[in-house]
Amino acid sequence: MVFIISDALSLFTSATSLLLFLSILTSRYAEGDFLCILPKRLILGLVTLFLSITTMMVAFTFSLYLVLDHRKAWMLVPVAALACLPVTCFVSLQFPLLVDLISSTYGHGIFRKQSDRQFY
């Protein structure tokens, strides 16, 4: 049951991520798009991509568990750990971009009030 749910979630989130990134490529690139619409689409695209990768790894791990069927359970942990290595690398490289996008889109961003002090 976990495999079926994670596989379906992986399919839906990857398709959503693909559509969001394609909508960024095919947008009209007006001034208002760069301020509001494009950052929101990029944030949603990255979040759904992270969810897709996570649910894909859960589906992969449970498919290994189902295939090995307790005969070679010792192989499950090293293979799952090695499979998670590229995922953690991707998340560690892209997560700062997501945090910066969220803080600049929904936070003060570049238009925050400047301090009276000139030097810090």
N, C-alpha and C. Protein backbone atom coordinates (compact mmCIF):
# COMPACT_ATOMS: atom_id res chain seq x y z
N MET A 1 0.81 -1.19 0.00
CA MET A 1 0.00 0.00 0.00
C MET A 1 0.86 1.27 0.00
N VAL A 2 1.97 1.25 0.76
CA VAL A 2 2.87 2.40 0.81
C VAL A 2 3.50 2.61 -0.57
N PHE A 3 3.86 1.53 -1.24
CA PHE A 3 4.44 1.64 -2.58
C PHE A 3 3.45 2.28 -3.55
N ILE A 4 2.21 1.86 -3.51
CA ILE A 4 1.20 2.38 -4.44
C ILE A 4 0.96 3.87 -4.20
N ILE A 5 0.84 4.27 -2.94
CA ILE A 5 0.58 5.67 -2.62
C ILE A 5 1.78 6.54 -2.98
N SER A 6 2.98 6.10 -2.63
CA SER A 6 4.16 6.90 -2.95
C SER A 6 4.43 6.95 -4.45
N ASP A 7 4.12 5.88 -5.17
CA ASP A 7 4.29 5.88 -6.62
C ASP A 7 3.30 6.84 -7.27
N ALA A 8 2.05 6.85 -6.82
CA ALA A 8 1.05 7.76 -7.37
C ALA A 8 1.40 9.21 -7.04
N LEU A 9 1.83 9.48 -5.80
CA LEU A 9 2.22 10.83 -5.44
C LEU A 9 3.43 11.30 -6.23
N SER A 10 4.35 10.40 -6.48
CA SER A 10 5.51 10.74 -7.29
C SER A 10 5.12 11.10 -8.71
N LEU A 11 4.19 10.37 -9.28
CA LEU A 11 3.72 10.67 -10.62
C LEU A 11 3.03 12.02 -10.68
N PHE A 12 2.13 12.28 -9.74
CA PHE A 12 1.37 13.53 -9.76
C PHE A 12 2.27 14.74 -9.50
N THR A 13 3.18 14.63 -8.55
CA THR A 13 4.03 15.77 -8.24
C THR A 13 5.07 16.01 -9.33
N SER A 14 5.56 14.97 -9.97
CA SER A 14 6.51 15.18 -11.07
C SER A 14 5.81 15.80 -12.27
N ALA A 15 4.59 15.38 -12.57
CA ALA A 15 3.85 16.00 -13.68
C ALA A 15 3.53 17.46 -13.37
N THR A 16 3.16 17.76 -12.14
CA THR A 16 2.89 19.13 -11.74
C THR A 16 4.15 19.98 -11.83
N SER A 17 5.27 19.45 -11.38
CA SER A 17 6.53 20.17 -11.45
C SER A 17 6.91 20.45 -12.91
N LEU A 18 6.75 19.48 -13.75
CA LEU A 18 7.07 19.66 -15.17
C LEU A 18 6.19 20.74 -15.80
N LEU A 19 4.90 20.70 -15.50
CA LEU A 19 3.99 21.71 -16.04
C LEU A 19 4.30 23.11 -15.52
N LEU A 20 4.68 23.21 -14.26
CA LEU A 20 5.03 24.53 -13.70
C LEU A 20 6.29 25.09 -14.35
N PHE A 21 7.30 24.25 -14.54
CA PHE A 21 8.53 24.73 -15.18
C PHE A 21 8.29 25.06 -16.65
N LEU A 22 7.44 24.32 -17.33
CA LEU A 22 7.09 24.66 -18.71
C LEU A 22 6.29 25.96 -18.79
N SER A 23 5.44 26.21 -17.79
CA SER A 23 4.70 27.47 -17.78
C SER A 23 5.63 28.65 -17.56
N ILE A 24 6.74 28.45 -16.86
CA ILE A 24 7.73 29.52 -16.72
C ILE A 24 8.39 29.80 -18.06
N LEU A 25 8.70 28.75 -18.80
CA LEU A 25 9.36 28.94 -20.09
C LEU A 25 8.45 29.60 -21.11
N THR A 26 7.17 29.35 -21.03
CA THR A 26 6.25 29.88 -22.05
C THR A 26 5.50 31.13 -21.59
N SER A 27 5.94 31.75 -20.50
CA SER A 27 5.25 32.96 -20.05
C SER A 27 5.64 34.13 -20.94
N ARG A 28 4.92 35.23 -20.81
CA ARG A 28 5.11 36.37 -21.70
C ARG A 28 6.22 37.31 -21.24
N TYR A 29 6.75 37.12 -20.06
CA TYR A 29 7.87 37.90 -19.53
C TYR A 29 7.58 39.39 -19.46
N ALA A 30 6.44 39.76 -18.94
CA ALA A 30 6.11 41.17 -18.70
C ALA A 30 6.72 41.59 -17.35
N GLU A 31 6.67 42.88 -17.07
CA GLU A 31 7.27 43.38 -15.83
C GLU A 31 6.61 42.79 -14.59
N GLY A 32 5.30 42.71 -14.59
CA GLY A 32 4.58 42.16 -13.45
C GLY A 32 4.84 40.68 -13.25
N ASP A 33 5.17 39.98 -14.32
CA ASP A 33 5.46 38.55 -14.20
C ASP A 33 6.72 38.31 -13.39
N PHE A 34 7.74 39.15 -13.58
CA PHE A 34 9.00 38.94 -12.86
C PHE A 34 8.86 39.25 -11.38
N LEU A 35 7.92 40.08 -11.01
CA LEU A 35 7.75 40.45 -9.61
C LEU A 35 6.89 39.45 -8.84
N CYS A 36 5.84 38.95 -9.46
CA CYS A 36 4.88 38.10 -8.73
C CYS A 36 4.75 36.69 -9.28
N ILE A 37 4.38 36.57 -10.54
CA ILE A 37 3.96 35.28 -11.08
C ILE A 37 5.12 34.31 -11.23
N LEU A 38 6.23 34.74 -11.84
CA LEU A 38 7.34 33.83 -12.08
C LEU A 38 8.01 33.32 -10.80
N PRO A 39 8.24 34.16 -9.77
CA PRO A 39 8.80 33.60 -8.53
C PRO A 39 7.87 32.59 -7.85
N LYS A 40 6.54 32.87 -7.90
CA LYS A 40 5.61 31.92 -7.28
C LYS A 40 5.61 30.60 -8.03
N ARG A 41 5.66 30.65 -9.36
CA ARG A 41 5.72 29.41 -10.14
C ARG A 41 7.02 28.65 -9.88
N LEU A 42 8.12 29.38 -9.77
CA LEU A 42 9.39 28.73 -9.49
C LEU A 42 9.40 28.09 -8.11
N ILE A 43 8.83 28.77 -7.12
CA ILE A 43 8.74 28.20 -5.77
C ILE A 43 7.89 26.94 -5.78
N LEU A 44 6.71 27.02 -6.41
CA LEU A 44 5.84 25.83 -6.48
C LEU A 44 6.50 24.71 -7.28
N GLY A 45 7.21 25.06 -8.34
CA GLY A 45 7.90 24.04 -9.13
C GLY A 45 8.99 23.34 -8.34
N LEU A 46 9.77 24.11 -7.57
CA LEU A 46 10.82 23.49 -6.75
C LEU A 46 10.25 22.65 -5.62
N VAL A 47 9.17 23.12 -5.00
CA VAL A 47 8.56 22.35 -3.91
C VAL A 47 7.99 21.03 -4.45
N THR A 48 7.29 21.10 -5.58
CA THR A 48 6.74 19.85 -6.13
C THR A 48 7.85 18.94 -6.65
N LEU A 49 8.96 19.52 -7.12
CA LEU A 49 10.09 18.68 -7.53
C LEU A 49 10.72 17.98 -6.33
N PHE A 50 10.86 18.69 -5.21
CA PHE A 50 11.38 18.07 -3.99
C PHE A 50 10.44 16.95 -3.51
N LEU A 51 9.14 17.22 -3.54
CA LEU A 51 8.18 16.18 -3.13
C LEU A 51 8.22 14.98 -4.08
N SER A 52 8.37 15.25 -5.35
CA SER A 52 8.45 14.17 -6.33
C SER A 52 9.66 13.29 -6.10
N ILE A 53 10.80 13.91 -5.86
CA ILE A 53 12.02 13.14 -5.62
C ILE A 53 11.90 12.34 -4.33
N THR A 54 11.33 12.94 -3.30
CA THR A 54 11.17 12.24 -2.03
C THR A 54 10.25 11.04 -2.16
N THR A 55 9.10 11.23 -2.80
CA THR A 55 8.17 10.10 -2.95
C THR A 55 8.71 9.05 -3.92
N MET A 56 9.52 9.48 -4.88
CA MET A 56 10.17 8.51 -5.77
C MET A 56 11.15 7.62 -4.99
N MET A 57 11.88 8.23 -4.05
CA MET A 57 12.82 7.43 -3.25
C MET A 57 12.07 6.50 -2.29
N VAL A 58 10.94 6.95 -1.76
CA VAL A 58 10.14 6.06 -0.91
C VAL A 58 9.60 4.89 -1.72
N ALA A 59 9.12 5.15 -2.93
CA ALA A 59 8.63 4.07 -3.80
C ALA A 59 9.76 3.12 -4.18
N PHE A 60 10.94 3.66 -4.45
CA PHE A 60 12.09 2.81 -4.79
C PHE A 60 12.48 1.92 -3.62
N THR A 61 12.51 2.48 -2.43
CA THR A 61 12.89 1.70 -1.25
C THR A 61 11.88 0.60 -0.97
N PHE A 62 10.59 0.92 -1.07
CA PHE A 62 9.59 -0.11 -0.81
C PHE A 62 9.52 -1.14 -1.92
N SER A 63 9.85 -0.78 -3.14
CA SER A 63 9.91 -1.80 -4.19
C SER A 63 11.08 -2.75 -3.96
N LEU A 64 12.20 -2.22 -3.47
CA LEU A 64 13.31 -3.11 -3.10
C LEU A 64 12.92 -4.03 -1.94
N TYR A 65 12.19 -3.48 -0.99
CA TYR A 65 11.75 -4.27 0.14
C TYR A 65 10.82 -5.40 -0.31
N LEU A 66 9.94 -5.08 -1.27
CA LEU A 66 9.03 -6.11 -1.77
C LEU A 66 9.74 -7.16 -2.61
N VAL A 67 10.73 -6.75 -3.37
CA VAL A 67 11.45 -7.70 -4.22
C VAL A 67 12.36 -8.60 -3.39
N LEU A 68 13.06 -8.02 -2.44
CA LEU A 68 14.00 -8.82 -1.64
C LEU A 68 13.28 -9.77 -0.68
N ASP A 69 12.15 -9.38 -0.16
CA ASP A 69 11.29 -10.26 0.64
C ASP A 69 12.02 -10.97 1.77
N HIS A 70 12.75 -10.22 2.56
CA HIS A 70 13.44 -10.70 3.77
C HIS A 70 14.55 -11.71 3.48
N ARG A 71 14.80 -12.06 2.23
CA ARG A 71 15.88 -13.00 1.95
C ARG A 71 17.23 -12.31 2.05
N LYS A 72 17.31 -11.15 1.46
CA LYS A 72 18.57 -10.39 1.49
C LYS A 72 18.29 -9.00 2.06
N ALA A 73 17.77 -8.99 3.25
CA ALA A 73 17.39 -7.72 3.88
C ALA A 73 18.61 -6.86 4.19
N TRP A 74 19.77 -7.47 4.31
CA TRP A 74 20.98 -6.72 4.60
C TRP A 74 21.38 -5.83 3.41
N MET A 75 20.92 -6.15 2.21
CA MET A 75 21.23 -5.35 1.03
C MET A 75 20.37 -4.10 0.94
N LEU A 76 19.25 -4.09 1.62
CA LEU A 76 18.31 -2.99 1.52
C LEU A 76 18.89 -1.67 2.04
N VAL A 77 19.55 -1.70 3.17
CA VAL A 77 20.07 -0.47 3.77
C VAL A 77 21.18 0.16 2.94
N PRO A 78 22.20 -0.60 2.48
CA PRO A 78 23.24 0.07 1.68
C PRO A 78 22.73 0.58 0.33
N VAL A 79 21.85 -0.16 -0.32
CA VAL A 79 21.34 0.27 -1.62
C VAL A 79 20.46 1.51 -1.45
N ALA A 80 19.63 1.53 -0.44
CA ALA A 80 18.79 2.70 -0.19
C ALA A 80 19.63 3.91 0.20
N ALA A 81 20.69 3.69 0.95
CA ALA A 81 21.57 4.80 1.33
C ALA A 81 22.30 5.36 0.11
N LEU A 82 22.77 4.48 -0.77
CA LEU A 82 23.43 4.94 -1.98
C LEU A 82 22.46 5.62 -2.94
N ALA A 83 21.22 5.18 -2.94
CA ALA A 83 20.21 5.81 -3.80
C ALA A 83 19.83 7.19 -3.27
N CYS A 84 19.93 7.39 -1.97
CA CYS A 84 19.59 8.69 -1.38
C CYS A 84 20.72 9.70 -1.53
N LEU A 85 21.90 9.26 -1.90
CA LEU A 85 23.04 10.16 -2.03
C LEU A 85 22.82 11.25 -3.09
N PRO A 86 22.39 10.92 -4.32
CA PRO A 86 22.13 12.00 -5.29
C PRO A 86 20.97 12.91 -4.87
N VAL A 87 20.00 12.36 -4.17
CA VAL A 87 18.86 13.16 -3.73
C VAL A 87 19.31 14.19 -2.69
N THR A 88 20.11 13.77 -1.74
CA THR A 88 20.59 14.71 -0.73
C THR A 88 21.51 15.75 -1.36
N CYS A 89 22.27 15.36 -2.37
CA CYS A 89 23.12 16.31 -3.07
C CYS A 89 22.26 17.35 -3.79
N PHE A 90 21.21 16.91 -4.46
CA PHE A 90 20.32 17.84 -5.16
C PHE A 90 19.62 18.77 -4.19
N VAL A 91 19.13 18.25 -3.10
CA VAL A 91 18.43 19.08 -2.11
C VAL A 91 19.39 20.07 -1.48
N SER A 92 20.59 19.65 -1.16
CA SER A 92 21.54 20.57 -0.54
C SER A 92 21.97 21.67 -1.50
N LEU A 93 21.95 21.41 -2.80
CA LEU A 93 22.31 22.44 -3.76
C LEU A 93 21.15 23.38 -4.08
N GLN A 94 19.92 22.88 -4.09
CA GLN A 94 18.77 23.69 -4.50
C GLN A 94 17.99 24.30 -3.34
N PHE A 95 18.16 23.80 -2.14
CA PHE A 95 17.40 24.33 -1.00
C PHE A 95 17.73 25.79 -0.69
N PRO A 96 19.01 26.22 -0.77
CA PRO A 96 19.27 27.66 -0.55
C PRO A 96 18.56 28.56 -1.57
N LEU A 97 18.45 28.10 -2.81
CA LEU A 97 17.71 28.87 -3.81
C LEU A 97 16.25 28.99 -3.42
N LEU A 98 15.66 27.91 -2.94
CA LEU A 98 14.26 27.95 -2.52
C LEU A 98 14.06 28.88 -1.34
N VAL A 99 14.95 28.85 -0.38
CA VAL A 99 14.85 29.74 0.78
C VAL A 99 14.99 31.19 0.35
N ASP A 100 15.92 31.49 -0.53
CA ASP A 100 16.09 32.86 -1.02
C ASP A 100 14.87 33.32 -1.80
N LEU A 101 14.30 32.44 -2.61
CA LEU A 101 13.11 32.80 -3.37
C LEU A 101 11.93 33.11 -2.45
N ILE A 102 11.75 32.27 -1.44
CA ILE A 102 10.63 32.49 -0.52
C ILE A 102 10.82 33.77 0.28
N SER A 103 12.04 34.01 0.74
CA SER A 103 12.27 35.22 1.53
C SER A 103 12.16 36.48 0.69
N SER A 104 12.59 36.44 -0.57
CA SER A 104 12.49 37.64 -1.39
C SER A 104 11.10 37.84 -1.95
N THR A 105 10.33 36.76 -2.13
CA THR A 105 8.98 36.90 -2.67
C THR A 105 7.98 37.26 -1.59
N TYR A 106 8.02 36.57 -0.47
CA TYR A 106 7.03 36.78 0.58
C TYR A 106 7.55 37.60 1.75
N GLY A 107 8.85 37.78 1.83
CA GLY A 107 9.42 38.59 2.90
C GLY A 107 9.61 40.02 2.46
N HIS A 108 10.59 40.66 3.06
CA HIS A 108 10.86 42.05 2.71
C HIS A 108 11.53 42.15 1.35
N GLY A 109 12.39 41.18 1.02
CA GLY A 109 13.03 41.16 -0.29
C GLY A 109 14.01 42.29 -0.48
N ILE A 110 14.12 42.76 -1.71
CA ILE A 110 15.07 43.82 -2.02
C ILE A 110 14.51 45.20 -1.72
N PHE A 111 13.22 45.29 -1.42
CA PHE A 111 12.59 46.57 -1.18
C PHE A 111 12.45 46.90 0.31
N ARG A 112 13.22 46.23 1.17
CA ARG A 112 13.11 46.50 2.60
C ARG A 112 13.70 47.87 2.93
N LYS A 113 13.27 48.40 4.03
CA LYS A 113 13.70 49.72 4.44
C LYS A 113 15.18 49.69 4.81
N GLN A 114 15.92 50.62 4.29
CA GLN A 114 17.34 50.68 4.55
C GLN A 114 17.60 51.21 5.97
N SER A 115 18.64 50.74 6.57
CA SER A 115 19.01 51.19 7.91
C SER A 115 19.68 52.56 7.85
N ASP A 116 19.64 53.29 8.95
CA ASP A 116 20.27 54.59 9.01
C ASP A 116 21.80 54.47 9.09
N ARG A 117 22.26 53.32 9.58
CA ARG A 117 23.70 53.11 9.69
C ARG A 117 24.29 52.84 8.32
N GLN A 118 25.49 53.40 8.06
CA GLN A 118 26.12 53.18 6.77
C GLN A 118 27.00 51.95 6.79
N PHE A 119 27.63 51.69 7.94
CA PHE A 119 28.55 50.56 8.04
C PHE A 119 28.09 49.65 9.15
N TYR A 120 28.32 48.38 8.97
CA TYR A 120 27.91 47.39 9.98
C TYR A 120 29.08 46.92 10.76
